[in-house]
Amino acid sequence: MDGNGRWANHLGLPRVAGHRAGAETLRHIVEAAPAQGIETLTVYAFSSDNWKRPPDEVAALMHLLAWYLEQETARLRADGVRLSVIGRRDRLPATLLAAIARAEEETASCKRLWLRLAIDYSARESILRASENVSRERFEQLLAETPPVDLLIRTGGEQRLSDFLLWECAYAELIFTQRMWPDFDANDLRHSVHEFHRRERRFGEVVSQDRWLR
């Protein structure tokens, strides 16, 4: 969910206004995702490196995340959306921890869509914590039971993974868009999914000999 702050700056608004607009965009994308055949949606809400931002902005983000969960839990449950949070929790404020616990508990049985919020998340830290003397299968379980990523969409014009789901994105199809996250909408999601289905996914294999000869 990249580009909230820059979106606000372009409009002459405080950065927190961009984050609020980004929360509204998330609501629309969650509503649109099941119709595109999406079963699991993981969004990067706050990276471990984001603690380096100004304290006032970090505090506003923590407050906004707690507010989002408090406001959206009933809607998510009604829409059949299971919510869970990946990332560290020992550095999060108590109000946000309480909101996470309530949202996870109240949506645990939902099956229509699995929405995962990455908060205080670092893929490298997750890999390091999970990698000591374990099998590949157990390693994947320790990475928060994350399914492989099929499609990664990055908004805001940047073209990098920024420490997000590095293991799970080993064979992900990548789409980078100049659209700032607050401007990203259901049509953008549909176009991205359409582009995903146009691509040939080989997972390290080769195409058949017949296709090579065409």
N, C-alpha and C. Protein backbone atom coordinates (compact mmCIF):
# COMPACT_ATOMS: atom_id res chain seq x y z
N MET A 1 0.86 -1.19 0.00
CA MET A 1 0.00 0.00 0.00
C MET A 1 0.89 1.23 0.00
N ASP A 2 1.60 1.45 -1.12
CA ASP A 2 2.62 2.48 -1.16
C ASP A 2 2.10 3.74 -1.83
N GLY A 3 2.57 4.87 -1.34
CA GLY A 3 2.27 6.16 -1.97
C GLY A 3 1.31 7.03 -1.20
N ASN A 4 0.89 6.62 0.00
CA ASN A 4 -0.07 7.43 0.76
C ASN A 4 0.47 8.82 1.07
N GLY A 5 1.70 8.86 1.60
CA GLY A 5 2.27 10.14 1.99
C GLY A 5 2.51 11.05 0.80
N ARG A 6 3.03 10.49 -0.30
CA ARG A 6 3.28 11.30 -1.49
C ARG A 6 1.97 11.78 -2.11
N TRP A 7 0.95 10.94 -2.07
CA TRP A 7 -0.37 11.34 -2.55
C TRP A 7 -0.85 12.57 -1.80
N ALA A 8 -0.71 12.56 -0.48
CA ALA A 8 -1.13 13.71 0.33
C ALA A 8 -0.29 14.94 0.02
N ASN A 9 1.03 14.73 -0.11
CA ASN A 9 1.91 15.87 -0.41
C ASN A 9 1.52 16.54 -1.72
N HIS A 10 1.19 15.73 -2.72
CA HIS A 10 0.82 16.29 -4.03
C HIS A 10 -0.44 17.15 -3.93
N LEU A 11 -1.29 16.84 -2.97
CA LEU A 11 -2.53 17.59 -2.79
C LEU A 11 -2.41 18.69 -1.74
N GLY A 12 -1.21 18.86 -1.20
CA GLY A 12 -1.00 19.88 -0.19
C GLY A 12 -1.61 19.52 1.16
N LEU A 13 -1.77 18.23 1.42
CA LEU A 13 -2.37 17.75 2.66
C LEU A 13 -1.31 17.16 3.57
N PRO A 14 -1.57 17.07 4.87
CA PRO A 14 -0.63 16.38 5.76
C PRO A 14 -0.56 14.91 5.40
N ARG A 15 0.57 14.28 5.66
CA ARG A 15 0.77 12.89 5.28
C ARG A 15 -0.27 11.96 5.90
N VAL A 16 -0.71 12.28 7.11
CA VAL A 16 -1.68 11.41 7.76
C VAL A 16 -2.98 11.35 6.96
N ALA A 17 -3.31 12.43 6.23
CA ALA A 17 -4.51 12.41 5.40
C ALA A 17 -4.38 11.36 4.30
N GLY A 18 -3.16 11.17 3.80
CA GLY A 18 -2.93 10.13 2.82
C GLY A 18 -3.12 8.74 3.40
N HIS A 19 -2.69 8.55 4.63
CA HIS A 19 -2.87 7.26 5.27
C HIS A 19 -4.35 6.96 5.52
N ARG A 20 -5.11 8.00 5.87
CA ARG A 20 -6.56 7.80 6.04
C ARG A 20 -7.20 7.42 4.72
N ALA A 21 -6.80 8.11 3.65
CA ALA A 21 -7.34 7.76 2.32
C ALA A 21 -6.93 6.34 1.95
N GLY A 22 -5.73 5.94 2.33
CA GLY A 22 -5.28 4.58 2.05
C GLY A 22 -6.11 3.54 2.77
N ALA A 23 -6.55 3.83 3.98
CA ALA A 23 -7.42 2.91 4.71
C ALA A 23 -8.75 2.75 3.99
N GLU A 24 -9.27 3.83 3.42
CA GLU A 24 -10.51 3.76 2.67
C GLU A 24 -10.33 2.91 1.40
N THR A 25 -9.18 3.08 0.74
CA THR A 25 -8.89 2.27 -0.44
C THR A 25 -8.83 0.79 -0.07
N LEU A 26 -8.23 0.48 1.06
CA LEU A 26 -8.16 -0.92 1.49
C LEU A 26 -9.56 -1.51 1.62
N ARG A 27 -10.48 -0.76 2.17
CA ARG A 27 -11.86 -1.25 2.30
C ARG A 27 -12.42 -1.63 0.92
N HIS A 28 -12.22 -0.77 -0.07
CA HIS A 28 -12.77 -1.03 -1.40
C HIS A 28 -12.10 -2.25 -2.06
N ILE A 29 -10.79 -2.38 -1.87
CA ILE A 29 -10.07 -3.50 -2.48
C ILE A 29 -10.47 -4.82 -1.82
N VAL A 30 -10.67 -4.81 -0.51
CA VAL A 30 -11.13 -6.02 0.18
C VAL A 30 -12.50 -6.43 -0.34
N GLU A 31 -13.37 -5.46 -0.58
CA GLU A 31 -14.70 -5.77 -1.10
C GLU A 31 -14.64 -6.32 -2.52
N ALA A 32 -13.67 -5.84 -3.30
CA ALA A 32 -13.58 -6.24 -4.71
C ALA A 32 -12.82 -7.54 -4.92
N ALA A 33 -11.96 -7.91 -3.99
CA ALA A 33 -11.04 -9.04 -4.21
C ALA A 33 -11.73 -10.37 -4.49
N PRO A 34 -12.73 -10.79 -3.73
CA PRO A 34 -13.33 -12.12 -3.99
C PRO A 34 -13.88 -12.26 -5.40
N ALA A 35 -14.42 -11.21 -5.97
CA ALA A 35 -14.97 -11.28 -7.32
C ALA A 35 -13.89 -11.53 -8.36
N GLN A 36 -12.63 -11.26 -8.02
CA GLN A 36 -11.51 -11.51 -8.92
C GLN A 36 -10.87 -12.87 -8.68
N GLY A 37 -11.51 -13.70 -7.85
CA GLY A 37 -10.98 -15.02 -7.57
C GLY A 37 -9.86 -15.03 -6.55
N ILE A 38 -9.70 -13.93 -5.83
CA ILE A 38 -8.63 -13.83 -4.83
C ILE A 38 -9.12 -14.44 -3.52
N GLU A 39 -8.36 -15.40 -3.00
CA GLU A 39 -8.72 -16.05 -1.75
C GLU A 39 -7.91 -15.53 -0.56
N THR A 40 -6.68 -15.10 -0.82
CA THR A 40 -5.81 -14.56 0.23
C THR A 40 -5.24 -13.23 -0.24
N LEU A 41 -5.40 -12.20 0.57
CA LEU A 41 -4.91 -10.86 0.26
C LEU A 41 -4.03 -10.39 1.40
N THR A 42 -2.74 -10.19 1.12
CA THR A 42 -1.80 -9.72 2.14
C THR A 42 -1.37 -8.31 1.78
N VAL A 43 -1.51 -7.38 2.70
CA VAL A 43 -1.15 -5.98 2.43
C VAL A 43 -0.10 -5.52 3.44
N TYR A 44 0.82 -4.73 2.93
CA TYR A 44 1.94 -4.23 3.73
C TYR A 44 1.51 -2.92 4.38
N ALA A 45 1.13 -3.00 5.64
CA ALA A 45 0.62 -1.82 6.33
C ALA A 45 1.71 -1.01 7.01
N PHE A 46 2.71 -1.71 7.59
CA PHE A 46 3.76 -1.01 8.33
C PHE A 46 4.96 -1.94 8.42
N SER A 47 6.07 -1.55 7.80
CA SER A 47 7.26 -2.39 7.82
C SER A 47 8.10 -2.11 9.07
N SER A 48 8.97 -3.03 9.39
CA SER A 48 9.86 -2.82 10.54
C SER A 48 10.74 -1.60 10.34
N ASP A 49 11.07 -1.29 9.09
CA ASP A 49 11.88 -0.10 8.81
C ASP A 49 11.09 1.19 8.98
N ASN A 50 9.75 1.10 8.99
CA ASN A 50 8.95 2.32 9.14
C ASN A 50 9.06 2.96 10.51
N TRP A 51 9.64 2.23 11.48
CA TRP A 51 9.87 2.87 12.79
C TRP A 51 10.85 4.04 12.68
N LYS A 52 11.57 4.11 11.57
CA LYS A 52 12.53 5.20 11.36
C LYS A 52 11.84 6.51 10.98
N ARG A 53 10.56 6.47 10.71
CA ARG A 53 9.84 7.68 10.33
C ARG A 53 9.68 8.60 11.54
N PRO A 54 9.29 9.86 11.32
CA PRO A 54 9.10 10.78 12.44
C PRO A 54 8.13 10.22 13.47
N PRO A 55 8.42 10.40 14.77
CA PRO A 55 7.56 9.82 15.82
C PRO A 55 6.09 10.20 15.70
N ASP A 56 5.81 11.44 15.31
CA ASP A 56 4.41 11.86 15.18
C ASP A 56 3.69 11.05 14.09
N GLU A 57 4.38 10.80 12.98
CA GLU A 57 3.76 10.02 11.90
C GLU A 57 3.56 8.57 12.34
N VAL A 58 4.55 8.00 13.02
CA VAL A 58 4.42 6.62 13.51
C VAL A 58 3.24 6.51 14.46
N ALA A 59 3.12 7.45 15.39
CA ALA A 59 2.01 7.43 16.35
C ALA A 59 0.67 7.52 15.63
N ALA A 60 0.60 8.37 14.61
CA ALA A 60 -0.63 8.52 13.85
C ALA A 60 -0.97 7.22 13.11
N LEU A 61 0.04 6.55 12.57
CA LEU A 61 -0.19 5.30 11.88
C LEU A 61 -0.70 4.21 12.83
N MET A 62 -0.09 4.15 14.02
CA MET A 62 -0.54 3.16 15.01
C MET A 62 -2.00 3.41 15.40
N HIS A 63 -2.32 4.67 15.59
CA HIS A 63 -3.70 5.03 15.94
C HIS A 63 -4.64 4.68 14.80
N LEU A 64 -4.23 4.95 13.56
CA LEU A 64 -5.08 4.68 12.40
C LEU A 64 -5.31 3.18 12.23
N LEU A 65 -4.27 2.38 12.44
CA LEU A 65 -4.42 0.93 12.32
C LEU A 65 -5.41 0.40 13.35
N ALA A 66 -5.29 0.88 14.58
CA ALA A 66 -6.23 0.45 15.63
C ALA A 66 -7.65 0.90 15.28
N TRP A 67 -7.78 2.12 14.81
CA TRP A 67 -9.10 2.63 14.42
C TRP A 67 -9.68 1.80 13.29
N TYR A 68 -8.88 1.48 12.29
CA TYR A 68 -9.36 0.68 11.16
C TYR A 68 -9.90 -0.66 11.64
N LEU A 69 -9.16 -1.33 12.49
CA LEU A 69 -9.60 -2.63 12.97
C LEU A 69 -10.88 -2.52 13.79
N GLU A 70 -10.95 -1.50 14.63
CA GLU A 70 -12.16 -1.33 15.45
C GLU A 70 -13.38 -1.04 14.58
N GLN A 71 -13.19 -0.25 13.53
CA GLN A 71 -14.31 0.13 12.68
C GLN A 71 -14.72 -0.98 11.71
N GLU A 72 -13.77 -1.78 11.27
CA GLU A 72 -14.02 -2.70 10.17
C GLU A 72 -14.29 -4.13 10.59
N THR A 73 -14.05 -4.49 11.84
CA THR A 73 -14.18 -5.89 12.24
C THR A 73 -15.59 -6.43 11.98
N ALA A 74 -16.62 -5.69 12.36
CA ALA A 74 -17.99 -6.17 12.15
C ALA A 74 -18.28 -6.32 10.66
N ARG A 75 -17.82 -5.38 9.85
CA ARG A 75 -18.04 -5.45 8.40
C ARG A 75 -17.30 -6.66 7.81
N LEU A 76 -16.06 -6.87 8.25
CA LEU A 76 -15.30 -8.00 7.75
C LEU A 76 -16.00 -9.31 8.08
N ARG A 77 -16.47 -9.44 9.30
CA ARG A 77 -17.16 -10.66 9.70
C ARG A 77 -18.42 -10.87 8.87
N ALA A 78 -19.18 -9.80 8.66
CA ALA A 78 -20.41 -9.91 7.87
C ALA A 78 -20.12 -10.29 6.42
N ASP A 79 -18.98 -9.85 5.91
CA ASP A 79 -18.61 -10.15 4.53
C ASP A 79 -17.83 -11.45 4.39
N GLY A 80 -17.65 -12.17 5.47
CA GLY A 80 -16.94 -13.45 5.42
C GLY A 80 -15.45 -13.33 5.27
N VAL A 81 -14.87 -12.25 5.79
CA VAL A 81 -13.44 -12.00 5.66
C VAL A 81 -12.73 -12.33 6.97
N ARG A 82 -11.82 -13.26 6.90
CA ARG A 82 -10.96 -13.56 8.05
C ARG A 82 -9.78 -12.61 8.06
N LEU A 83 -9.51 -12.00 9.20
CA LEU A 83 -8.37 -11.09 9.31
C LEU A 83 -7.33 -11.66 10.26
N SER A 84 -6.09 -11.56 9.85
CA SER A 84 -4.98 -11.90 10.74
C SER A 84 -3.83 -10.94 10.48
N VAL A 85 -2.95 -10.85 11.45
CA VAL A 85 -1.83 -9.92 11.39
C VAL A 85 -0.54 -10.71 11.45
N ILE A 86 0.40 -10.40 10.55
CA ILE A 86 1.73 -10.99 10.60
C ILE A 86 2.74 -9.92 10.95
N GLY A 87 3.82 -10.31 11.59
CA GLY A 87 4.84 -9.37 12.01
C GLY A 87 5.03 -9.40 13.52
N ARG A 88 5.96 -8.64 14.01
CA ARG A 88 6.22 -8.55 15.44
C ARG A 88 5.07 -7.85 16.16
N ARG A 89 4.88 -8.24 17.41
CA ARG A 89 3.84 -7.59 18.21
C ARG A 89 4.39 -6.96 19.48
N ASP A 90 5.64 -7.23 19.78
CA ASP A 90 6.18 -6.76 21.06
C ASP A 90 6.43 -5.26 21.07
N ARG A 91 6.42 -4.61 19.90
CA ARG A 91 6.67 -3.17 19.85
C ARG A 91 5.41 -2.36 19.58
N LEU A 92 4.27 -3.04 19.44
CA LEU A 92 3.03 -2.34 19.12
C LEU A 92 2.36 -1.82 20.38
N PRO A 93 1.66 -0.67 20.29
CA PRO A 93 0.96 -0.13 21.46
C PRO A 93 -0.19 -1.03 21.89
N ALA A 94 -0.54 -0.91 23.17
CA ALA A 94 -1.57 -1.79 23.74
C ALA A 94 -2.91 -1.66 23.03
N THR A 95 -3.27 -0.44 22.65
CA THR A 95 -4.57 -0.25 21.99
C THR A 95 -4.62 -1.01 20.66
N LEU A 96 -3.53 -1.01 19.91
CA LEU A 96 -3.50 -1.73 18.65
C LEU A 96 -3.49 -3.24 18.89
N LEU A 97 -2.76 -3.70 19.88
CA LEU A 97 -2.74 -5.12 20.21
C LEU A 97 -4.14 -5.62 20.57
N ALA A 98 -4.87 -4.83 21.33
CA ALA A 98 -6.23 -5.22 21.71
C ALA A 98 -7.13 -5.29 20.48
N ALA A 99 -6.99 -4.34 19.59
CA ALA A 99 -7.81 -4.32 18.38
C ALA A 99 -7.48 -5.51 17.49
N ILE A 100 -6.21 -5.87 17.40
CA ILE A 100 -5.80 -7.03 16.61
C ILE A 100 -6.41 -8.30 17.19
N ALA A 101 -6.28 -8.47 18.50
CA ALA A 101 -6.80 -9.68 19.15
C ALA A 101 -8.29 -9.83 18.92
N ARG A 102 -9.02 -8.73 19.05
CA ARG A 102 -10.48 -8.79 18.86
C ARG A 102 -10.83 -9.12 17.42
N ALA A 103 -10.15 -8.48 16.47
CA ALA A 103 -10.46 -8.71 15.06
C ALA A 103 -10.13 -10.14 14.66
N GLU A 104 -9.00 -10.65 15.11
CA GLU A 104 -8.63 -12.02 14.76
C GLU A 104 -9.61 -13.03 15.36
N GLU A 105 -10.01 -12.79 16.59
CA GLU A 105 -10.93 -13.72 17.25
C GLU A 105 -12.31 -13.71 16.59
N GLU A 106 -12.81 -12.52 16.29
CA GLU A 106 -14.18 -12.42 15.79
C GLU A 106 -14.32 -12.81 14.33
N THR A 107 -13.23 -12.87 13.59
CA THR A 107 -13.31 -13.25 12.17
C THR A 107 -12.67 -14.61 11.90
N ALA A 108 -12.27 -15.32 12.93
CA ALA A 108 -11.48 -16.55 12.76
C ALA A 108 -12.19 -17.61 11.92
N SER A 109 -13.51 -17.66 11.96
CA SER A 109 -14.24 -18.71 11.23
C SER A 109 -14.65 -18.29 9.83
N CYS A 110 -14.31 -17.09 9.39
CA CYS A 110 -14.72 -16.60 8.07
C CYS A 110 -13.90 -17.28 6.97
N LYS A 111 -14.54 -17.54 5.84
CA LYS A 111 -13.91 -18.34 4.79
C LYS A 111 -13.86 -17.67 3.41
N ARG A 112 -14.57 -16.58 3.21
CA ARG A 112 -14.68 -16.01 1.85
C ARG A 112 -13.36 -15.40 1.38
N LEU A 113 -12.66 -14.72 2.26
CA LEU A 113 -11.38 -14.09 1.94
C LEU A 113 -10.52 -14.07 3.19
N TRP A 114 -9.23 -14.32 3.01
CA TRP A 114 -8.29 -14.22 4.12
C TRP A 114 -7.48 -12.94 3.92
N LEU A 115 -7.74 -11.95 4.75
CA LEU A 115 -7.03 -10.67 4.71
C LEU A 115 -5.94 -10.68 5.76
N ARG A 116 -4.71 -10.50 5.32
CA ARG A 116 -3.57 -10.50 6.23
C ARG A 116 -2.90 -9.12 6.20
N LEU A 117 -2.82 -8.50 7.36
CA LEU A 117 -2.14 -7.21 7.48
C LEU A 117 -0.73 -7.44 8.01
N ALA A 118 0.25 -6.97 7.28
CA ALA A 118 1.64 -7.05 7.73
C ALA A 118 1.96 -5.77 8.49
N ILE A 119 2.13 -5.91 9.82
CA ILE A 119 2.40 -4.77 10.69
C ILE A 119 3.67 -5.04 11.47
N ASP A 120 4.59 -4.08 11.46
CA ASP A 120 5.94 -4.28 12.01
C ASP A 120 6.52 -5.57 11.45
N TYR A 121 6.48 -5.67 10.12
CA TYR A 121 6.87 -6.89 9.43
C TYR A 121 8.18 -6.71 8.69
N SER A 122 9.03 -7.73 8.75
CA SER A 122 10.26 -7.81 7.97
C SER A 122 10.43 -9.24 7.51
N ALA A 123 10.48 -9.45 6.20
CA ALA A 123 10.67 -10.81 5.69
C ALA A 123 12.00 -11.38 6.11
N ARG A 124 13.04 -10.56 6.12
CA ARG A 124 14.36 -11.06 6.51
C ARG A 124 14.36 -11.52 7.96
N GLU A 125 13.72 -10.76 8.85
CA GLU A 125 13.64 -11.18 10.25
C GLU A 125 12.84 -12.47 10.38
N SER A 126 11.76 -12.60 9.63
CA SER A 126 10.95 -13.81 9.69
C SER A 126 11.75 -15.03 9.24
N ILE A 127 12.53 -14.87 8.18
CA ILE A 127 13.35 -15.97 7.69
C ILE A 127 14.41 -16.35 8.71
N LEU A 128 15.06 -15.37 9.31
CA LEU A 128 16.09 -15.67 10.31
C LEU A 128 15.51 -16.39 11.52
N ARG A 129 14.33 -15.96 11.96
CA ARG A 129 13.72 -16.61 13.13
C ARG A 129 13.31 -18.04 12.84
N ALA A 130 12.96 -18.32 11.59
CA ALA A 130 12.40 -19.64 11.26
C ALA A 130 13.42 -20.64 10.75
N SER A 131 14.67 -20.21 10.52
CA SER A 131 15.59 -21.01 9.71
C SER A 131 16.53 -21.92 10.48
N GLU A 132 16.43 -22.03 11.78
CA GLU A 132 17.40 -22.81 12.53
C GLU A 132 17.02 -24.29 12.56
N ASN A 133 17.78 -25.11 11.81
CA ASN A 133 17.71 -26.57 11.89
C ASN A 133 16.29 -27.11 11.74
N VAL A 134 15.58 -26.67 10.71
CA VAL A 134 14.23 -27.18 10.47
C VAL A 134 14.10 -27.60 9.01
N SER A 135 13.16 -28.46 8.74
CA SER A 135 12.90 -28.87 7.37
C SER A 135 12.24 -27.73 6.60
N ARG A 136 12.21 -27.87 5.30
CA ARG A 136 11.56 -26.84 4.48
C ARG A 136 10.08 -26.73 4.83
N GLU A 137 9.43 -27.88 5.05
CA GLU A 137 8.00 -27.86 5.37
C GLU A 137 7.76 -27.13 6.69
N ARG A 138 8.56 -27.45 7.71
CA ARG A 138 8.40 -26.80 9.00
C ARG A 138 8.76 -25.32 8.90
N PHE A 139 9.77 -25.01 8.09
CA PHE A 139 10.18 -23.62 7.88
C PHE A 139 9.02 -22.80 7.34
N GLU A 140 8.30 -23.36 6.37
CA GLU A 140 7.17 -22.64 5.79
C GLU A 140 6.05 -22.46 6.81
N GLN A 141 5.86 -23.46 7.69
CA GLN A 141 4.86 -23.32 8.74
C GLN A 141 5.23 -22.19 9.70
N LEU A 142 6.51 -22.08 9.99
CA LEU A 142 6.95 -21.04 10.93
C LEU A 142 6.85 -19.64 10.33
N LEU A 143 6.79 -19.55 9.02
CA LEU A 143 6.60 -18.25 8.38
C LEU A 143 5.11 -17.90 8.36
N ALA A 144 4.47 -18.02 9.51
CA ALA A 144 3.08 -17.60 9.70
C ALA A 144 2.11 -18.32 8.77
N GLU A 145 2.44 -19.57 8.42
CA GLU A 145 1.55 -20.39 7.60
C GLU A 145 1.14 -19.65 6.32
N THR A 146 2.09 -19.03 5.69
CA THR A 146 1.81 -18.21 4.52
C THR A 146 1.79 -19.05 3.26
N PRO A 147 0.73 -19.00 2.47
CA PRO A 147 0.75 -19.68 1.17
C PRO A 147 1.67 -18.94 0.21
N PRO A 148 2.17 -19.63 -0.82
CA PRO A 148 2.99 -18.93 -1.82
C PRO A 148 2.21 -17.78 -2.44
N VAL A 149 2.89 -16.71 -2.74
CA VAL A 149 2.26 -15.54 -3.37
C VAL A 149 2.20 -15.77 -4.87
N ASP A 150 1.03 -15.63 -5.47
CA ASP A 150 0.87 -15.73 -6.91
C ASP A 150 1.10 -14.39 -7.60
N LEU A 151 0.55 -13.33 -7.04
CA LEU A 151 0.62 -12.01 -7.66
C LEU A 151 0.96 -10.97 -6.61
N LEU A 152 2.00 -10.20 -6.87
CA LEU A 152 2.36 -9.08 -6.00
C LEU A 152 2.18 -7.79 -6.79
N ILE A 153 1.38 -6.89 -6.24
CA ILE A 153 1.14 -5.59 -6.86
C ILE A 153 1.76 -4.53 -5.97
N ARG A 154 2.64 -3.70 -6.52
CA ARG A 154 3.20 -2.60 -5.76
C ARG A 154 2.77 -1.28 -6.38
N THR A 155 2.09 -0.47 -5.58
CA THR A 155 1.65 0.84 -6.04
C THR A 155 2.74 1.88 -5.76
N GLY A 156 2.55 3.07 -6.28
CA GLY A 156 3.41 4.20 -5.93
C GLY A 156 4.64 4.37 -6.78
N GLY A 157 4.86 3.52 -7.79
CA GLY A 157 5.96 3.73 -8.72
C GLY A 157 7.28 3.07 -8.35
N GLU A 158 7.43 2.60 -7.12
CA GLU A 158 8.67 1.93 -6.74
C GLU A 158 8.69 0.52 -7.34
N GLN A 159 9.90 0.03 -7.67
CA GLN A 159 10.02 -1.29 -8.28
C GLN A 159 10.99 -2.14 -7.48
N ARG A 160 10.56 -2.50 -6.28
CA ARG A 160 11.35 -3.36 -5.39
C ARG A 160 10.39 -4.03 -4.42
N LEU A 161 10.88 -5.07 -3.73
CA LEU A 161 10.04 -5.81 -2.79
C LEU A 161 10.05 -5.22 -1.39
N SER A 162 11.09 -4.48 -1.04
CA SER A 162 11.15 -3.78 0.25
C SER A 162 10.89 -4.72 1.43
N ASP A 163 11.55 -5.88 1.42
CA ASP A 163 11.53 -6.79 2.57
C ASP A 163 10.14 -7.34 2.84
N PHE A 164 9.37 -7.57 1.78
CA PHE A 164 7.99 -8.07 1.92
C PHE A 164 7.87 -9.47 1.36
N LEU A 165 7.58 -10.45 2.21
CA LEU A 165 7.28 -11.83 1.80
C LEU A 165 8.31 -12.37 0.80
N LEU A 166 9.59 -12.25 1.14
CA LEU A 166 10.65 -12.62 0.20
C LEU A 166 10.60 -14.10 -0.14
N TRP A 167 10.42 -14.96 0.84
CA TRP A 167 10.36 -16.39 0.59
C TRP A 167 9.11 -16.74 -0.22
N GLU A 168 7.98 -16.19 0.18
CA GLU A 168 6.71 -16.54 -0.43
C GLU A 168 6.59 -16.01 -1.86
N CYS A 169 7.39 -14.99 -2.19
CA CYS A 169 7.31 -14.39 -3.53
C CYS A 169 8.32 -15.00 -4.51
N ALA A 170 8.85 -16.16 -4.18
CA ALA A 170 9.89 -16.77 -5.03
C ALA A 170 9.44 -16.89 -6.49
N TYR A 171 8.17 -17.24 -6.71
CA TYR A 171 7.65 -17.37 -8.07
C TYR A 171 6.44 -16.48 -8.31
N ALA A 172 6.34 -15.41 -7.56
CA ALA A 172 5.22 -14.49 -7.75
C ALA A 172 5.37 -13.72 -9.05
N GLU A 173 4.25 -13.43 -9.68
CA GLU A 173 4.23 -12.49 -10.78
C GLU A 173 4.17 -11.09 -10.19
N LEU A 174 5.01 -10.20 -10.72
CA LEU A 174 5.15 -8.85 -10.16
C LEU A 174 4.52 -7.82 -11.09
N ILE A 175 3.73 -6.94 -10.50
CA ILE A 175 3.15 -5.82 -11.25
C ILE A 175 3.46 -4.54 -10.47
N PHE A 176 4.11 -3.60 -11.15
CA PHE A 176 4.44 -2.31 -10.55
C PHE A 176 3.64 -1.24 -11.27
N THR A 177 3.00 -0.40 -10.50
CA THR A 177 2.15 0.63 -11.08
C THR A 177 2.50 1.99 -10.49
N GLN A 178 2.37 3.02 -11.32
CA GLN A 178 2.61 4.39 -10.86
C GLN A 178 1.48 4.91 -9.98
N ARG A 179 0.34 4.23 -9.98
CA ARG A 179 -0.80 4.69 -9.19
C ARG A 179 -0.45 4.70 -7.71
N MET A 180 -0.72 5.81 -7.03
CA MET A 180 -0.58 5.85 -5.59
C MET A 180 -1.70 5.02 -4.96
N TRP A 181 -1.41 4.42 -3.80
CA TRP A 181 -2.39 3.53 -3.20
C TRP A 181 -3.76 4.16 -2.99
N PRO A 182 -3.88 5.42 -2.54
CA PRO A 182 -5.22 5.99 -2.38
C PRO A 182 -6.01 6.07 -3.69
N ASP A 183 -5.33 6.07 -4.83
CA ASP A 183 -6.01 6.13 -6.13
C ASP A 183 -6.26 4.75 -6.73
N PHE A 184 -5.71 3.72 -6.15
CA PHE A 184 -5.86 2.36 -6.66
C PHE A 184 -7.29 1.89 -6.38
N ASP A 185 -7.97 1.36 -7.40
CA ASP A 185 -9.38 1.00 -7.20
C ASP A 185 -9.67 -0.39 -7.76
N ALA A 186 -10.94 -0.75 -7.74
CA ALA A 186 -11.34 -2.09 -8.17
C ALA A 186 -10.99 -2.34 -9.64
N ASN A 187 -11.07 -1.31 -10.48
CA ASN A 187 -10.70 -1.48 -11.88
C ASN A 187 -9.21 -1.79 -12.02
N ASP A 188 -8.38 -1.12 -11.23
CA ASP A 188 -6.94 -1.40 -11.25
C ASP A 188 -6.68 -2.84 -10.80
N LEU A 189 -7.40 -3.27 -9.78
CA LEU A 189 -7.24 -4.65 -9.32
C LEU A 189 -7.64 -5.62 -10.42
N ARG A 190 -8.75 -5.36 -11.08
CA ARG A 190 -9.22 -6.24 -12.14
C ARG A 190 -8.21 -6.30 -13.29
N HIS A 191 -7.65 -5.16 -13.68
CA HIS A 191 -6.65 -5.14 -14.75
C HIS A 191 -5.40 -5.91 -14.35
N SER A 192 -5.00 -5.79 -13.08
CA SER A 192 -3.82 -6.51 -12.61
C SER A 192 -4.05 -8.01 -12.63
N VAL A 193 -5.22 -8.45 -12.20
CA VAL A 193 -5.54 -9.88 -12.23
C VAL A 193 -5.61 -10.37 -13.67
N HIS A 194 -6.16 -9.56 -14.57
CA HIS A 194 -6.21 -9.93 -15.99
C HIS A 194 -4.80 -10.10 -16.54
N GLU A 195 -3.90 -9.18 -16.21
CA GLU A 195 -2.51 -9.29 -16.65
C GLU A 195 -1.87 -10.55 -16.08
N PHE A 196 -2.16 -10.86 -14.84
CA PHE A 196 -1.64 -12.08 -14.21
C PHE A 196 -2.06 -13.32 -15.01
N HIS A 197 -3.31 -13.39 -15.41
CA HIS A 197 -3.80 -14.56 -16.13
C HIS A 197 -3.24 -14.64 -17.55
N ARG A 198 -2.75 -13.53 -18.09
CA ARG A 198 -2.13 -13.54 -19.42
C ARG A 198 -0.74 -14.14 -19.40
N ARG A 199 -0.11 -14.16 -18.26
CA ARG A 199 1.28 -14.58 -18.17
C ARG A 199 1.40 -16.10 -18.10
N GLU A 200 2.51 -16.61 -18.65
CA GLU A 200 2.79 -18.04 -18.60
C GLU A 200 3.69 -18.32 -17.40
N ARG A 201 3.19 -19.12 -16.48
CA ARG A 201 3.92 -19.42 -15.25
C ARG A 201 4.54 -20.81 -15.38
N ARG A 202 5.90 -20.88 -15.37
CA ARG A 202 6.58 -22.15 -15.62
C ARG A 202 7.24 -22.73 -14.37
N PHE A 203 7.45 -21.93 -13.34
CA PHE A 203 8.04 -22.41 -12.08
C PHE A 203 9.35 -23.16 -12.31
N GLY A 204 10.17 -22.64 -13.20
CA GLY A 204 11.48 -23.24 -13.46
C GLY A 204 11.48 -24.30 -14.53
N GLU A 205 10.28 -24.71 -15.00
CA GLU A 205 10.20 -25.71 -16.05
C GLU A 205 10.34 -25.03 -17.42
N VAL A 206 10.29 -25.83 -18.48
CA VAL A 206 10.34 -25.28 -19.82
C VAL A 206 9.00 -25.55 -20.49
N VAL A 207 8.72 -24.77 -21.52
CA VAL A 207 7.49 -25.01 -22.28
C VAL A 207 7.68 -26.27 -23.09
N SER A 208 6.59 -26.87 -23.55
CA SER A 208 6.67 -28.13 -24.29
C SER A 208 7.41 -27.94 -25.61
N GLN A 209 7.97 -29.06 -26.14
CA GLN A 209 8.69 -29.01 -27.40
C GLN A 209 7.80 -28.51 -28.52
N ASP A 210 6.51 -28.92 -28.49
CA ASP A 210 5.60 -28.47 -29.54
C ASP A 210 5.51 -26.96 -29.58
N ARG A 211 5.51 -26.36 -28.42
CA ARG A 211 5.38 -24.89 -28.38
C ARG A 211 6.67 -24.25 -28.87
N TRP A 212 7.82 -24.88 -28.59
CA TRP A 212 9.08 -24.32 -29.07
C TRP A 212 9.12 -24.34 -30.60
N LEU A 213 8.45 -25.34 -31.23
CA LEU A 213 8.54 -25.49 -32.66
C LEU A 213 7.55 -24.62 -33.42
N ARG A 214 6.63 -24.00 -32.71
CA ARG A 214 5.62 -23.18 -33.38
C ARG A 214 6.25 -21.89 -33.89
